[in-house]
Amino acid sequence: MAALVYYVATSVDGFIARPDGSFGDFPWDPEFGAHLLDTYPETFPAHLRSGPVSAEGNRRFGAVLMGRHTYEVGVDAGVVSPYPTLRQFVFSTRLRESPSPDVALVREDAAEVVTRLKREEARDVWLCGGAVLAASLFEAGLVDEVVVKLNPVLFGAGIPLLARPVPTVALDLRDLRRFPSGHAWLHYDVRR
């Protein structure tokens, strides 16, 4: 069975974006970026990667899950299929149709769809974002790992890791990497 991994960037105070959904204030560090690209290259949008991209370059993931707000960040920039080497799913009750044939629009219950996807997917599933989607999948007990790309910045306000309180989720630290820039990589397993 595939693992569901909430792999997400956050500020030190726990925000994945500014209140308006922007995340350009996350500081960039080339060494940290090289680590991210080397670890999970398929999680970089194709338009930001150099050279041709193909599924053969995927290290871990076979599918990506996005909430509507997360997906619309790319759409607003003209990117309607950000991760073409992955099966792409956008969860929304407001969108009427997907702007790309490569992106499946899911309007049904997220927990049911993700449960099926975890059974059928040969590779792990990346929960890219959407604080609302993440909260619903934690509530359903479907998240297996949390990987936090911790950025050395405080936003003070914004979109939190989870859109609403969820039952306590105990985590076991699998890996921690610190970078001279102040960035950190925290990889946790959800304790069952």
Protein backbone atom coordinates (compact mmCIF):
# COMPACT_ATOMS: atom_id res chain seq x y z
CA MET A 1 0.00 0.00 0.00
CA ALA A 2 1.26 3.47 -0.86
CA ALA A 3 2.11 5.91 1.91
CA LEU A 4 0.46 9.33 2.03
CA VAL A 5 3.12 11.96 2.75
CA TYR A 6 2.31 15.54 3.75
CA TYR A 7 5.41 17.19 2.25
CA VAL A 8 5.15 20.91 2.76
CA ALA A 9 7.11 24.12 3.32
CA THR A 10 6.35 26.17 6.40
CA SER A 11 7.52 29.19 8.32
CA VAL A 12 8.83 28.68 11.84
CA ASP A 13 5.47 29.86 13.18
CA GLY A 14 3.61 27.18 11.20
CA PHE A 15 2.28 28.98 8.12
CA ILE A 16 2.43 27.43 4.64
CA ALA A 17 1.57 30.74 2.96
CA ARG A 18 0.73 34.37 3.62
CA PRO A 19 -2.93 35.26 4.29
CA ASP A 20 -3.39 35.96 0.55
CA GLY A 21 -2.01 32.51 -0.37
CA SER A 22 1.37 33.77 -1.55
CA PHE A 23 4.56 32.07 -0.44
CA GLY A 24 7.23 34.12 -2.19
CA ASP A 25 8.57 35.32 1.17
CA PHE A 26 10.09 31.93 1.95
CA PRO A 27 13.84 32.58 1.78
CA TRP A 28 15.70 30.58 -0.87
CA ASP A 29 19.01 28.87 -0.16
CA PRO A 30 20.86 27.06 -2.98
CA GLU A 31 22.22 24.30 -0.70
CA PHE A 32 18.78 23.58 0.77
CA GLY A 33 17.23 23.75 -2.70
CA ALA A 34 19.78 21.27 -4.03
CA HIS A 35 18.86 18.88 -1.21
CA LEU A 36 15.16 19.18 -2.05
CA LEU A 37 15.75 18.67 -5.77
CA ASP A 38 18.01 15.67 -5.17
CA THR A 39 15.63 14.04 -2.69
CA TYR A 40 12.30 14.45 -4.50
CA PRO A 41 12.86 16.04 -7.94
CA GLU A 42 9.29 15.25 -8.98
CA THR A 43 8.01 17.76 -6.40
CA PHE A 44 9.48 20.70 -8.33
CA PRO A 45 7.01 22.11 -10.86
CA ALA A 46 8.12 21.14 -14.36
CA HIS A 47 8.46 24.75 -15.50
CA LEU A 48 11.09 25.32 -12.76
CA ARG A 49 13.21 22.29 -13.66
CA SER A 50 15.92 22.42 -16.27
CA GLY A 51 15.83 20.04 -19.19
CA PRO A 52 13.18 17.48 -20.06
CA VAL A 53 11.21 15.84 -17.27
CA SER A 54 9.88 12.28 -17.26
CA ALA A 55 8.40 9.85 -14.76
CA GLU A 56 11.69 7.90 -14.84
CA GLY A 57 13.21 10.75 -12.82
CA ASN A 58 10.66 10.38 -10.02
CA ARG A 59 12.36 9.20 -6.86
CA ARG A 60 9.39 8.43 -4.63
CA PHE A 61 5.98 9.72 -5.65
CA GLY A 62 3.50 8.55 -8.26
CA ALA A 63 0.65 10.96 -7.47
CA VAL A 64 0.11 14.42 -6.04
CA LEU A 65 -2.93 15.79 -4.17
CA MET A 66 -3.75 19.48 -4.12
CA GLY A 67 -6.54 21.55 -2.67
CA ARG A 68 -8.12 24.17 -4.91
CA HIS A 69 -6.23 27.12 -3.40
CA THR A 70 -2.88 25.35 -3.77
CA TYR A 71 -3.62 24.45 -7.38
CA GLU A 72 -4.87 27.94 -8.26
CA VAL A 73 -1.48 29.46 -7.35
CA GLY A 74 -0.09 27.77 -10.47
CA VAL A 75 -3.18 28.36 -12.58
CA ASP A 76 -2.99 32.09 -11.84
CA ALA A 77 0.60 32.00 -13.17
CA GLY A 78 -0.47 30.11 -16.30
CA VAL A 79 0.67 26.69 -15.08
CA VAL A 80 -2.25 24.25 -15.34
CA SER A 81 -0.24 21.00 -15.14
CA PRO A 82 2.55 21.66 -12.65
CA TYR A 83 3.62 18.05 -12.03
CA PRO A 84 3.23 16.22 -15.36
CA THR A 85 5.32 13.22 -14.24
CA LEU A 86 2.77 12.48 -11.48
CA ARG A 87 -0.92 11.64 -11.45
CA GLN A 88 -2.38 14.99 -10.42
CA PHE A 89 -5.56 15.36 -8.35
CA VAL A 90 -7.25 18.61 -7.33
CA PHE A 91 -9.91 18.42 -4.63
CA SER A 92 -12.58 21.08 -4.95
CA THR A 93 -16.31 21.48 -4.66
CA ARG A 94 -16.17 24.89 -6.37
CA LEU A 95 -14.30 24.17 -9.59
CA ARG A 96 -16.59 23.06 -12.38
CA GLU A 97 -13.92 21.51 -14.60
CA SER A 98 -10.17 21.01 -14.66
CA PRO A 99 -8.21 23.48 -16.78
CA SER A 100 -5.93 20.61 -17.89
CA PRO A 101 -6.64 17.07 -19.11
CA ASP A 102 -3.60 16.03 -17.03
CA VAL A 103 -5.26 17.10 -13.77
CA ALA A 104 -8.17 15.11 -12.35
CA LEU A 105 -10.80 17.18 -10.58
CA VAL A 106 -12.17 15.39 -7.51
CA ARG A 107 -15.48 16.60 -6.12
CA GLU A 108 -16.30 13.55 -3.99
CA ASP A 109 -15.23 12.72 -0.44
CA ALA A 110 -11.45 13.10 -0.14
CA ALA A 111 -11.04 10.29 2.40
CA GLU A 112 -12.76 7.75 0.15
CA VAL A 113 -10.77 8.77 -2.92
CA VAL A 114 -7.44 8.79 -1.06
CA THR A 115 -8.14 5.39 0.54
CA ARG A 116 -8.66 3.92 -2.95
CA LEU A 117 -5.63 5.74 -4.34
CA LYS A 118 -3.35 4.43 -1.58
CA ARG A 119 -4.46 0.89 -2.46
CA GLU A 120 -3.99 1.22 -6.21
CA GLU A 121 -0.92 3.45 -6.49
CA ALA A 122 2.41 1.64 -6.90
CA ARG A 123 4.39 4.63 -5.59
CA ASP A 124 3.74 6.89 -2.63
CA VAL A 125 1.26 9.77 -2.73
CA TRP A 126 2.33 13.36 -2.07
CA LEU A 127 -0.07 15.64 -0.24
CA CYS A 128 1.22 18.90 -1.67
CA GLY A 129 -1.01 21.26 0.09
CA GLY A 130 -4.20 22.66 1.01
CA ALA A 131 -4.60 23.22 4.72
CA VAL A 132 -8.26 22.21 4.46
CA LEU A 133 -7.45 19.03 2.54
CA ALA A 134 -4.62 18.20 4.93
CA ALA A 135 -6.89 18.60 7.97
CA SER A 136 -9.53 16.31 6.46
CA LEU A 137 -6.96 13.61 5.65
CA PHE A 138 -5.44 13.79 9.15
CA GLU A 139 -8.94 13.52 10.63
CA ALA A 140 -9.49 10.38 8.53
CA GLY A 141 -6.20 8.88 9.75
CA LEU A 142 -4.82 8.59 6.21
CA VAL A 143 -1.55 10.52 6.52
CA ASP A 144 1.46 8.25 7.09
CA GLU A 145 4.38 10.69 7.07
CA VAL A 146 4.99 14.40 7.51
CA VAL A 147 8.00 16.03 5.86
CA VAL A 148 8.43 19.68 6.77
CA LYS A 149 10.68 22.05 4.83
CA LEU A 150 11.20 24.52 7.68
CA ASN A 151 12.08 28.03 6.55
CA PRO A 152 13.89 30.50 8.86
CA VAL A 153 11.18 33.14 8.76
CA LEU A 154 8.16 34.22 10.82
CA PHE A 155 5.04 35.27 8.92
CA GLY A 156 2.98 36.30 11.94
CA ALA A 157 -0.22 35.35 10.12
CA GLY A 158 -1.23 33.26 7.18
CA ILE A 159 -2.50 29.88 6.12
CA PRO A 160 -1.59 27.31 8.79
CA LEU A 161 -0.34 23.76 8.22
CA LEU A 162 -3.86 22.59 9.10
CA ALA A 163 -6.97 24.68 8.50
CA ARG A 164 -8.69 23.55 11.67
CA PRO A 165 -7.90 21.63 14.84
CA VAL A 166 -7.55 17.88 14.39
CA PRO A 167 -7.22 15.13 16.97
CA THR A 168 -3.68 14.89 18.33
CA VAL A 169 -1.31 13.12 15.95
CA ALA A 170 1.86 11.69 17.51
CA LEU A 171 4.93 11.77 15.30
CA ASP A 172 8.25 9.90 15.40
CA LEU A 173 11.26 11.76 14.00
CA ARG A 174 12.89 9.76 11.22
CA ASP A 175 15.36 12.33 9.90
CA LEU A 176 16.53 15.86 10.68
CA ARG A 177 18.89 17.87 8.53
CA ARG A 178 20.04 21.38 9.32
CA PHE A 179 21.51 23.82 6.83
CA PRO A 180 23.83 26.80 7.46
CA SER A 181 21.10 29.10 6.09
CA GLY A 182 18.83 28.19 9.00
CA HIS A 183 16.59 25.93 6.91
CA ALA A 184 15.77 22.47 8.26
CA TRP A 185 14.32 19.25 6.87
CA LEU A 186 12.18 17.32 9.37
CA HIS A 187 10.89 13.90 8.36
CA TYR A 188 8.36 12.26 10.68
CA ASP A 189 6.41 9.02 10.66
CA VAL A 190 2.87 9.18 11.99
CA ARG A 191 2.74 6.93 15.04
CA ARG A 192 0.05 4.28 14.74
